[in-house]
Amino acid sequence: MTAAPPTDARPAQDAPPPGVLVPKRRGVEFSLLVGAVLISVYGYAEVGLARSGAVPPDAARYGAGLGLLALLAHLAVRLRAPYADPLLLPIAVLLNGLGLVLIYRLDLETPGDRAAPTQLVWSTLGVGLFIVVVLLLRDHRVLQRYAYLSVATALGLMILPIFFPAVNGARIWIRIGGLSFQPGEFAKILLAVFFAAYLAANRHALAYTGRKAWKLQFPTGRVLGPIVAIWVLSVGVLVLERDLGTSLLFFGLFVIMLYVATGRTGWIAVGLVLAAAGAFLVGSLEPHVHGRVQDWLDPFASIRAGDGPGQLAQSLFAFAAGGMLGAGLGLGHSVLIGFATKSDFILATAGEELGLVGLTALFLLYALIVARGYRAGLALRDPFGRLLAIGLASILALQVFVIAGGVMGLIPLTGMAMPFLAQGGSSVVTNWVMVALLVRVSDSARAPRPDMADTGVIAPIVEDAPVADGHVEDPR
């Protein structure tokens, strides 16, 4: 009598104990959405009271519109992703609502340049795409089939702005008539899909084949070559466009996902060294970037020269004026920063008018959404979903770090948009699509598995198995 082969009896991370029902927690999500909408409406009313002594006449319409968008998104999640993380959607609604409040507040200082109505239209489009993704994408693993189509589309989107005039020193915009958008914002999602799919299929070869040097396992060029080539090409295009913020984001995304796929901490060290070397070269040779580095090294040089404070100096003054509790919504002077107040420097407005306490609350909201994305990724069984969730969450984390670091003087300015808060249609639409994908992934991570329904047995984790030629196949 032959004994049955042993099986891995370890419980999967995302599988609940036998006989325990997984709570859907849609009621928690709805309650948090109500709170998010009320906080946004309160901020809108507070701005009106501070500026004119009266609640804005359209405050009720603003609240109703934001509430309707939140309700439609909630119904889509309740219908198609009932086990999704209950924090993702409310945090996105709150950040988007607060962003509209801050942009409206700055519009009162620039009546000839109103951005809030346009931003509301883009936010509506973003929520619409969120609903479409949640309703139509039933399984995130479908995206794995389109890895090379994704990377081809991403490279095409990044190349297009080269043929259009530069805006504020950078070639990242496409302007057609009165419409303008940044293709690079959409490219980052497509590159995350490609990196996740390729690394998931070749992670064993990346981790265990090749040569060792300096305690690092370097894969063969046949395995690592394609992804490095795509990364070099994408970063090269962005350097030509002078969009160093997005270039830094793509580099950080590449290193993080490579580390997650291989588990080799040495890749982080290699990434930091390469990033430092690249930043030094570009900062020394590219005049536009060199100017930003000089402003970062000495933000008060223009004051001593008698030319008045520059944007970074004004931003630092705004943070200092905010103190612990802030000046109050509508009572700051961050508009003195100049043309990018509503986009690159909107965090300075939050710092001045909400203070350190409000700024900390904003950072905690971003930290929560990133942490929930990581949690969903770590709970998934399939390597592609794990890498995709961690990649998307890392994009948000890197954006917040790069932007906050730039306006606070920690690193040179990069010219990126704060997720959900800043003016920028392409940015807010892309961020809503990323949240939709995280909702889908978290639903897959928390949902009960069909093979557990009647047996009460938790199935083992299914991993990709290596084959003879060094490539990886999915045994499923």
Protein backbone atom coordinates (compact mmCIF):
# COMPACT_ATOMS: atom_id res chain seq x y z
CA MET A 1 0.00 0.00 0.00
CA THR A 2 1.55 3.27 -1.15
CA ALA A 3 1.39 6.23 1.18
CA ALA A 4 -0.13 9.40 -0.17
CA PRO A 5 2.40 12.12 -0.94
CA PRO A 6 2.68 14.75 1.80
CA THR A 7 0.88 18.02 1.26
CA ASP A 8 1.62 21.46 2.59
CA ALA A 9 -0.83 21.86 5.44
CA ARG A 10 0.17 25.42 6.25
CA PRO A 11 -2.83 27.71 6.19
CA ALA A 12 -2.90 30.31 3.49
CA GLN A 13 -2.57 33.84 4.82
CA ASP A 14 -5.83 35.04 3.38
CA ALA A 15 -7.88 31.94 4.15
CA PRO A 16 -10.15 32.17 7.18
CA PRO A 17 -10.30 29.36 9.75
CA PRO A 18 -12.71 26.54 8.84
CA GLY A 19 -16.31 27.31 9.69
CA VAL A 20 -15.70 31.05 10.19
CA LEU A 21 -17.62 33.40 7.93
CA VAL A 22 -15.63 36.26 6.42
CA PRO A 23 -17.41 39.56 7.15
CA LYS A 24 -18.05 41.68 4.08
CA ARG A 25 -17.93 44.95 6.05
CA ARG A 26 -19.82 46.95 3.48
CA GLY A 27 -21.78 48.64 6.27
CA VAL A 28 -18.48 49.86 7.76
CA GLU A 29 -17.49 51.21 4.36
CA PHE A 30 -20.80 53.06 3.97
CA SER A 31 -20.48 54.65 7.43
CA LEU A 32 -16.95 55.80 6.66
CA LEU A 33 -18.11 57.22 3.33
CA VAL A 34 -20.76 59.29 5.08
CA GLY A 35 -18.08 60.65 7.41
CA ALA A 36 -15.76 61.42 4.48
CA VAL A 37 -18.45 63.38 2.64
CA LEU A 38 -19.46 65.30 5.79
CA ILE A 39 -15.85 66.27 6.53
CA SER A 40 -15.41 67.53 2.96
CA VAL A 41 -18.65 69.55 3.09
CA TYR A 42 -17.63 71.00 6.46
CA GLY A 43 -14.30 72.11 4.98
CA TYR A 44 -16.11 73.70 2.03
CA ALA A 45 -18.43 75.60 4.36
CA GLU A 46 -15.50 76.62 6.60
CA VAL A 47 -13.71 78.24 3.66
CA GLY A 48 -16.81 80.31 2.85
CA LEU A 49 -17.23 81.39 6.46
CA ALA A 50 -13.58 82.38 6.74
CA ARG A 51 -13.51 84.35 3.48
CA SER A 52 -16.93 86.00 3.37
CA GLY A 53 -18.64 85.24 6.68
CA ALA A 54 -21.28 83.05 5.02
CA VAL A 55 -21.65 79.45 3.92
CA PRO A 56 -21.16 79.17 0.14
CA PRO A 57 -24.58 79.06 -1.57
CA ASP A 58 -23.65 75.92 -3.49
CA ALA A 59 -22.40 73.98 -0.44
CA ALA A 60 -25.45 71.71 -0.46
CA ARG A 61 -25.00 71.01 -4.18
CA TYR A 62 -21.33 70.21 -3.62
CA GLY A 63 -22.19 67.82 -0.81
CA ALA A 64 -24.95 66.17 -2.83
CA GLY A 65 -22.66 65.69 -5.84
CA LEU A 66 -19.81 64.24 -3.81
CA GLY A 67 -22.23 62.05 -1.87
CA LEU A 68 -23.81 60.73 -5.07
CA LEU A 69 -20.42 59.82 -6.52
CA ALA A 70 -19.46 58.06 -3.29
CA LEU A 71 -22.78 56.19 -3.20
CA LEU A 72 -22.45 54.96 -6.80
CA ALA A 73 -18.90 53.76 -6.13
CA HIS A 74 -20.06 52.04 -2.95
CA LEU A 75 -22.88 50.25 -4.78
CA ALA A 76 -20.42 49.03 -7.43
CA VAL A 77 -18.15 47.62 -4.70
CA ARG A 78 -21.10 46.09 -2.85
CA LEU A 79 -22.26 44.38 -6.05
CA ARG A 80 -18.97 43.13 -7.56
CA ALA A 81 -16.38 43.22 -4.77
CA PRO A 82 -18.30 42.48 -1.56
CA TYR A 83 -15.21 41.32 0.36
CA ALA A 84 -13.01 44.30 -0.58
CA ASP A 85 -11.13 46.25 2.05
CA PRO A 86 -13.61 48.74 3.61
CA LEU A 87 -11.02 51.53 4.05
CA LEU A 88 -9.81 52.02 0.47
CA LEU A 89 -12.85 53.75 -1.01
CA PRO A 90 -13.63 56.06 1.97
CA ILE A 91 -10.01 57.27 2.17
CA ALA A 92 -9.98 58.00 -1.57
CA VAL A 93 -13.27 59.94 -1.30
CA LEU A 94 -11.99 61.94 1.67
CA LEU A 95 -8.69 62.85 0.00
CA ASN A 96 -10.45 63.80 -3.23
CA GLY A 97 -13.02 65.86 -1.33
CA LEU A 98 -10.35 67.70 0.65
CA GLY A 99 -8.43 68.33 -2.57
CA LEU A 100 -11.49 69.99 -4.10
CA VAL A 101 -11.86 72.12 -0.95
CA LEU A 102 -8.23 73.29 -1.09
CA ILE A 103 -8.42 74.07 -4.82
CA TYR A 104 -11.70 75.99 -4.29
CA ARG A 105 -10.05 77.92 -1.46
CA LEU A 106 -7.15 78.92 -3.76
CA ASP A 107 -9.59 79.81 -6.56
CA LEU A 108 -10.93 82.59 -4.32
CA GLU A 109 -7.48 84.20 -4.51
CA THR A 110 -7.31 83.85 -8.29
CA PRO A 111 -10.82 84.61 -9.62
CA GLY A 112 -9.51 84.74 -13.19
CA ASP A 113 -8.09 81.23 -13.02
CA ARG A 114 -10.65 78.86 -11.52
CA ALA A 115 -9.60 75.23 -11.36
CA ALA A 116 -12.14 73.65 -8.98
CA PRO A 117 -14.95 73.19 -11.57
CA THR A 118 -12.57 71.44 -13.98
CA GLN A 119 -11.12 69.34 -11.19
CA LEU A 120 -14.65 68.27 -10.20
CA VAL A 121 -15.29 67.12 -13.77
CA TRP A 122 -12.07 65.09 -13.77
CA SER A 123 -12.94 63.65 -10.36
CA THR A 124 -16.32 62.57 -11.71
CA LEU A 125 -14.60 60.89 -14.65
CA GLY A 126 -12.19 59.19 -12.25
CA VAL A 127 -15.02 57.80 -10.11
CA GLY A 128 -16.76 56.67 -13.30
CA LEU A 129 -13.67 54.72 -14.36
CA PHE A 130 -13.42 53.30 -10.83
CA ILE A 131 -16.95 51.95 -11.21
CA VAL A 132 -16.23 50.56 -14.68
CA VAL A 133 -13.08 48.75 -13.50
CA VAL A 134 -14.81 47.27 -10.44
CA LEU A 135 -17.83 46.13 -12.48
CA LEU A 136 -16.02 44.73 -15.53
CA LEU A 137 -12.76 43.36 -14.12
CA ARG A 138 -13.96 40.23 -12.32
CA ASP A 139 -10.49 38.72 -11.86
CA HIS A 140 -7.25 40.72 -11.66
CA ARG A 141 -5.30 37.82 -13.15
CA VAL A 142 -6.81 38.62 -16.56
CA LEU A 143 -4.41 41.58 -16.76
CA GLN A 144 -1.47 39.19 -16.77
CA ARG A 145 -2.33 38.16 -20.32
CA TYR A 146 -1.75 41.71 -21.58
CA ALA A 147 1.73 42.30 -20.13
CA TYR A 148 3.49 43.11 -23.40
CA LEU A 149 0.55 45.09 -24.75
CA SER A 150 0.67 47.12 -21.54
CA VAL A 151 4.36 47.92 -21.83
CA ALA A 152 4.06 48.82 -25.52
CA THR A 153 1.18 51.17 -24.77
CA ALA A 154 3.05 52.68 -21.81
CA LEU A 155 6.14 53.43 -23.92
CA GLY A 156 3.97 54.96 -26.62
CA LEU A 157 2.27 57.22 -24.09
CA MET A 158 5.61 58.34 -22.70
CA ILE A 159 7.07 59.10 -26.14
CA LEU A 160 4.12 61.21 -27.37
CA PRO A 161 4.83 64.40 -25.33
CA ILE A 162 8.28 64.71 -26.95
CA PHE A 163 6.50 66.00 -30.07
CA PHE A 164 4.63 68.73 -28.17
CA PRO A 165 5.96 72.05 -26.79
CA ALA A 166 7.52 72.10 -23.32
CA VAL A 167 5.48 73.51 -20.43
CA ASN A 168 7.43 75.06 -17.54
CA GLY A 169 10.60 73.41 -18.81
CA ALA A 170 9.21 69.85 -19.09
CA ARG A 171 7.79 67.95 -22.06
CA ILE A 172 5.15 65.93 -20.23
CA TRP A 173 1.94 67.47 -21.54
CA ILE A 174 -0.18 66.90 -24.61
CA ARG A 175 -2.32 69.92 -25.46
CA ILE A 176 -5.04 69.67 -28.10
CA GLY A 177 -7.19 72.77 -28.22
CA GLY A 178 -8.34 73.50 -24.69
CA LEU A 179 -7.70 69.93 -23.51
CA SER A 180 -4.43 68.91 -21.88
CA PHE A 181 -3.33 65.73 -20.11
CA GLN A 182 -0.20 63.88 -18.98
CA PRO A 183 0.19 60.48 -20.68
CA GLY A 184 2.87 59.48 -18.17
CA GLU A 185 0.23 59.28 -15.43
CA PHE A 186 -1.52 56.44 -17.23
CA ALA A 187 1.77 54.80 -18.20
CA LYS A 188 2.70 54.09 -14.58
CA ILE A 189 -0.25 51.70 -14.15
CA LEU A 190 0.60 49.90 -17.38
CA LEU A 191 4.24 49.54 -16.38
CA ALA A 192 3.18 48.18 -12.97
CA VAL A 193 1.09 45.53 -14.77
CA PHE A 194 4.03 44.58 -16.99
CA PHE A 195 6.57 44.43 -14.15
CA ALA A 196 4.17 42.32 -12.06
CA ALA A 197 3.46 39.87 -14.90
CA TYR A 198 7.09 39.46 -16.00
CA LEU A 199 8.53 39.18 -12.51
CA ALA A 200 5.82 36.74 -11.45
CA ALA A 201 6.67 34.47 -14.38
CA ASN A 202 10.43 34.64 -13.87
CA ARG A 203 10.88 35.19 -10.15
CA HIS A 204 12.51 31.80 -9.48
CA ALA A 205 15.03 32.34 -12.25
CA LEU A 206 15.72 35.85 -10.97
CA ALA A 207 16.30 34.63 -7.43
CA TYR A 208 18.16 31.36 -7.92
CA THR A 209 19.98 31.36 -11.26
CA GLY A 210 22.94 33.32 -12.55
CA ARG A 211 26.18 34.33 -10.89
CA LYS A 212 27.02 35.60 -7.43
CA ALA A 213 29.03 38.78 -6.93
CA TRP A 214 29.38 40.91 -3.80
CA LYS A 215 26.92 38.59 -2.03
CA LEU A 216 24.32 39.31 -4.72
CA GLN A 217 22.69 36.78 -7.02
CA PHE A 218 22.78 38.34 -10.49
CA PRO A 219 20.36 36.64 -12.92
CA THR A 220 21.28 35.75 -16.46
CA GLY A 221 20.88 38.45 -19.07
CA ARG A 222 18.24 36.33 -20.84
CA VAL A 223 15.97 36.62 -17.81
CA LEU A 224 16.73 40.10 -16.48
CA GLY A 225 17.59 41.70 -19.82
CA PRO A 226 14.08 42.43 -21.15
CA ILE A 227 12.83 44.12 -18.00
CA VAL A 228 16.02 46.18 -17.61
CA ALA A 229 15.79 47.23 -21.25
CA ILE A 230 12.20 48.38 -20.80
CA TRP A 231 13.13 50.26 -17.66
CA VAL A 232 16.16 51.97 -19.28
CA LEU A 233 14.05 52.96 -22.28
CA SER A 234 11.25 54.39 -20.16
CA VAL A 235 13.61 56.33 -17.88
CA GLY A 236 15.59 57.57 -20.89
CA VAL A 237 12.45 58.95 -22.47
CA LEU A 238 11.50 60.69 -19.26
CA VAL A 239 14.96 62.24 -18.94
CA LEU A 240 14.59 63.62 -22.46
CA GLU A 241 11.24 65.06 -21.41
CA ARG A 242 12.84 66.54 -18.26
CA ASP A 243 10.22 64.81 -16.12
CA LEU A 244 12.61 63.63 -13.43
CA GLY A 245 9.85 63.10 -10.86
CA THR A 246 8.17 60.37 -12.88
CA SER A 247 11.56 58.97 -13.82
CA LEU A 248 12.42 58.61 -10.12
CA LEU A 249 9.03 57.03 -9.48
CA PHE A 250 9.54 54.40 -12.20
CA PHE A 251 13.01 53.60 -10.93
CA GLY A 252 11.75 53.18 -7.37
CA LEU A 253 8.86 51.01 -8.60
CA PHE A 254 11.26 48.79 -10.53
CA VAL A 255 13.57 48.26 -7.54
CA ILE A 256 10.74 47.61 -5.06
CA MET A 257 9.01 45.07 -7.29
CA LEU A 258 12.31 43.34 -8.07
CA TYR A 259 12.98 43.05 -4.34
CA VAL A 260 9.50 41.69 -3.63
CA ALA A 261 9.80 39.15 -6.46
CA THR A 262 13.24 37.85 -5.44
CA GLY A 263 13.47 38.55 -1.72
CA ARG A 264 17.05 39.75 -2.25
CA THR A 265 17.73 42.84 -0.13
CA GLY A 266 20.87 43.54 -2.14
CA TRP A 267 18.73 44.90 -4.94
CA ILE A 268 17.69 47.78 -2.69
CA ALA A 269 21.33 48.71 -2.12
CA VAL A 270 22.06 48.48 -5.85
CA GLY A 271 19.00 50.61 -6.59
CA LEU A 272 20.02 53.32 -4.14
CA VAL A 273 23.54 53.49 -5.59
CA LEU A 274 22.25 53.70 -9.17
CA ALA A 275 19.62 56.30 -8.20
CA ALA A 276 22.25 58.46 -6.49
CA ALA A 277 24.61 58.21 -9.46
CA GLY A 278 21.87 59.01 -11.96
CA ALA A 279 20.58 61.93 -9.93
CA PHE A 280 24.11 63.37 -9.66
CA LEU A 281 24.74 63.13 -13.40
CA VAL A 282 21.38 64.55 -14.46
CA GLY A 283 21.50 67.25 -11.80
CA SER A 284 24.94 68.31 -13.02
CA LEU A 285 24.34 68.19 -16.78
CA GLU A 286 20.67 69.14 -17.29
CA PRO A 287 20.15 72.92 -16.77
CA HIS A 288 16.48 72.66 -15.79
CA VAL A 289 17.21 70.04 -13.15
CA HIS A 290 20.43 71.76 -12.08
CA GLY A 291 18.45 74.92 -11.28
CA ARG A 292 16.12 72.95 -9.02
CA VAL A 293 19.06 71.34 -7.25
CA GLN A 294 20.57 74.78 -6.62
CA ASP A 295 17.26 76.06 -5.22
CA TRP A 296 17.13 73.02 -2.95
CA LEU A 297 20.68 73.50 -1.68
CA ASP A 298 20.07 77.18 -0.88
CA PRO A 299 16.36 78.14 -1.05
CA PHE A 300 17.04 81.61 0.42
CA ALA A 301 19.75 82.63 -2.04
CA SER A 302 17.33 84.76 -4.07
CA ILE A 303 16.35 86.69 -0.91
CA ARG A 304 19.97 87.56 -0.14
CA ALA A 305 20.41 88.62 -3.78
CA GLY A 306 17.50 91.04 -3.44
CA ASP A 307 15.22 89.17 -5.86
CA GLY A 308 12.67 88.09 -3.28
CA PRO A 309 11.79 84.58 -2.14
CA GLY A 310 11.46 81.77 -4.67
CA GLN A 311 8.78 79.10 -4.68
CA LEU A 312 10.59 76.74 -2.32
CA ALA A 313 11.31 79.53 0.16
CA GLN A 314 7.66 80.63 0.08
CA SER A 315 6.62 77.02 0.65
CA LEU A 316 8.87 76.76 3.71
CA PHE A 317 7.47 80.04 5.03
CA ALA A 318 3.93 78.66 4.61
CA PHE A 319 4.72 75.54 6.61
CA ALA A 320 6.34 77.63 9.33
CA ALA A 321 3.36 79.99 9.49
CA GLY A 322 0.99 77.06 9.98
CA GLY A 323 2.53 76.02 13.28
CA MET A 324 0.87 73.22 15.20
CA LEU A 325 -2.83 73.85 14.49
CA GLY A 326 -2.72 76.02 11.36
CA ALA A 327 -4.13 79.41 10.48
CA GLY A 328 -7.52 77.96 9.55
CA LEU A 329 -9.02 77.07 6.17
CA GLY A 330 -9.16 80.14 3.96
CA LEU A 331 -6.91 82.27 6.17
CA GLY A 332 -3.45 81.46 4.83
CA HIS A 333 -1.27 83.22 2.25
CA SER A 334 0.16 80.28 0.30
CA VAL A 335 -1.04 81.88 -2.94
CA LEU A 336 2.18 83.91 -2.77
CA ILE A 337 4.03 80.76 -3.88
CA GLY A 338 3.00 81.47 -7.47
CA PHE A 339 1.81 79.54 -10.52
CA ALA A 340 2.02 76.00 -9.11
CA THR A 341 0.14 76.70 -5.88
CA LYS A 342 -2.80 74.48 -6.86
CA SER A 343 -0.68 71.63 -8.18
CA ASP A 344 2.91 71.05 -7.05
CA PHE A 345 2.65 73.15 -3.87
CA ILE A 346 -0.89 72.43 -2.69
CA LEU A 347 0.59 70.60 0.30
CA ALA A 348 2.00 73.96 1.47
CA THR A 349 -1.55 75.31 1.63
CA ALA A 350 -2.60 72.32 3.74
CA GLY A 351 0.41 72.82 6.00
CA GLU A 352 -0.25 76.52 6.54
CA GLU A 353 -4.01 76.32 7.07
CA LEU A 354 -4.31 72.93 8.81
CA GLY A 355 -1.00 73.00 10.65
CA LEU A 356 1.19 70.11 11.67
CA VAL A 357 -1.81 68.27 13.11
CA GLY A 358 -3.78 68.43 9.85
CA LEU A 359 -0.73 67.61 7.77
CA THR A 360 -0.03 64.55 9.93
CA ALA A 361 -3.64 63.44 9.48
CA LEU A 362 -3.23 63.67 5.69
CA PHE A 363 -0.03 61.62 5.78
CA LEU A 364 -1.75 59.01 7.95
CA LEU A 365 -4.54 58.71 5.37
CA TYR A 366 -1.96 58.06 2.66
CA ALA A 367 -0.14 55.62 4.94
CA LEU A 368 -3.40 53.74 5.56
CA ILE A 369 -4.23 53.34 1.89
CA VAL A 370 -0.66 52.16 1.14
CA ALA A 371 -0.67 49.76 4.08
CA ARG A 372 -4.01 48.26 3.05
CA GLY A 373 -2.64 47.78 -0.46
CA TYR A 374 0.41 45.97 0.93
CA ARG A 375 -1.82 43.88 3.17
CA ALA A 376 -3.98 42.80 0.25
CA GLY A 377 -0.90 41.89 -1.78
CA LEU A 378 0.69 39.84 0.99
CA ALA A 379 -2.56 37.95 1.54
CA LEU A 380 -2.88 36.84 -2.08
CA ARG A 381 -1.77 33.41 -3.30
CA ASP A 382 -0.93 34.24 -6.89
CA PRO A 383 2.45 35.97 -7.42
CA PHE A 384 1.05 38.31 -10.09
CA GLY A 385 -1.66 39.69 -7.82
CA ARG A 386 0.80 40.06 -4.96
CA LEU A 387 3.26 42.01 -7.09
CA LEU A 388 0.53 44.11 -8.71
CA ALA A 389 -0.98 45.18 -5.37
CA ILE A 390 2.39 46.00 -3.84
CA GLY A 391 3.43 47.84 -7.01
CA LEU A 392 0.30 50.02 -7.11
CA ALA A 393 0.57 50.80 -3.40
CA SER A 394 4.25 51.64 -3.85
CA ILE A 395 3.40 54.10 -6.63
CA LEU A 396 1.21 56.05 -4.20
CA ALA A 397 3.86 55.86 -1.47
CA LEU A 398 6.64 57.05 -3.78
CA GLN A 399 4.52 59.91 -5.12
CA VAL A 400 3.72 61.17 -1.63
CA PHE A 401 7.37 60.93 -0.56
CA VAL A 402 8.74 62.66 -3.66
CA ILE A 403 6.18 65.48 -3.60
CA ALA A 404 6.18 66.07 0.16
CA GLY A 405 9.98 65.88 0.23
CA GLY A 406 10.23 68.43 -2.57
CA VAL A 407 7.93 71.10 -1.10
CA MET A 408 9.46 70.63 2.38
CA GLY A 409 13.03 70.95 1.17
CA LEU A 410 14.09 67.36 1.88
CA ILE A 411 14.86 66.61 -1.78
CA PRO A 412 14.88 68.74 -4.96
CA LEU A 413 11.52 69.64 -6.45
CA THR A 414 10.20 67.21 -9.06
CA GLY A 415 6.98 68.74 -10.37
CA MET A 416 4.60 65.87 -9.62
CA ALA A 417 0.99 66.05 -8.38
CA MET A 418 -0.02 65.04 -4.86
CA PRO A 419 -2.42 62.07 -5.24
CA PHE A 420 -6.08 63.20 -5.10
CA LEU A 421 -5.23 66.59 -3.51
CA ALA A 422 -3.53 68.53 -6.29
CA GLN A 423 -4.97 70.06 -9.42
CA GLY A 424 -4.50 67.71 -12.37
CA GLY A 425 -7.07 65.73 -14.29
CA SER A 426 -4.73 62.97 -15.47
CA SER A 427 -3.47 62.44 -11.94
CA VAL A 428 -6.85 62.16 -10.23
CA VAL A 429 -8.23 59.83 -12.91
CA THR A 430 -5.18 57.57 -12.67
CA ASN A 431 -5.36 57.48 -8.88
CA TRP A 432 -9.00 56.37 -9.00
CA VAL A 433 -8.11 53.55 -11.41
CA MET A 434 -5.33 52.42 -9.04
CA VAL A 435 -7.76 52.39 -6.11
CA ALA A 436 -10.19 50.34 -8.21
CA LEU A 437 -7.48 47.76 -8.91
CA LEU A 438 -6.58 47.64 -5.20
CA VAL A 439 -10.27 47.12 -4.38
CA ARG A 440 -10.41 44.23 -6.83
CA VAL A 441 -7.22 42.67 -5.46
CA SER A 442 -8.34 43.05 -1.83
CA ASP A 443 -11.66 41.41 -2.68
CA SER A 444 -9.80 38.43 -4.13
CA ALA A 445 -7.60 38.27 -1.04
CA ARG A 446 -10.46 38.26 1.49
CA ALA A 447 -13.13 36.28 -0.38
CA PRO A 448 -13.76 32.67 0.74
CA ARG A 449 -12.27 30.10 -1.63
CA PRO A 450 -14.66 27.78 -3.48
CA ASP A 451 -12.52 24.72 -2.63
CA MET A 452 -13.09 25.38 1.08
CA ALA A 453 -16.84 25.73 0.97
CA ASP A 454 -17.84 22.19 1.97
CA THR A 455 -14.68 20.51 3.21
CA GLY A 456 -13.58 22.89 5.92
CA VAL A 457 -10.01 22.27 4.75
CA ILE A 458 -7.71 25.12 3.86
CA ALA A 459 -5.92 24.49 0.61
CA PRO A 460 -2.16 25.02 0.41
CA ILE A 461 -0.62 27.99 -1.31
CA VAL A 462 -0.01 27.31 -4.99
CA GLU A 463 3.35 28.57 -6.10
CA ASP A 464 4.88 28.81 -9.54
CA ALA A 465 7.12 25.80 -10.29
CA PRO A 466 10.44 26.10 -12.15
CA VAL A 467 10.99 24.04 -15.25
CA ALA A 468 14.12 22.73 -16.90
CA ASP A 469 14.86 25.64 -19.23
CA GLY A 470 14.96 28.18 -16.43
CA HIS A 471 11.58 29.68 -17.17
CA VAL A 472 8.57 29.40 -14.91
CA GLU A 473 5.21 27.87 -15.60
CA ASP A 474 2.01 28.12 -13.62
CA PRO A 475 0.92 24.57 -12.69
CA ARG A 476 -2.69 25.62 -12.69
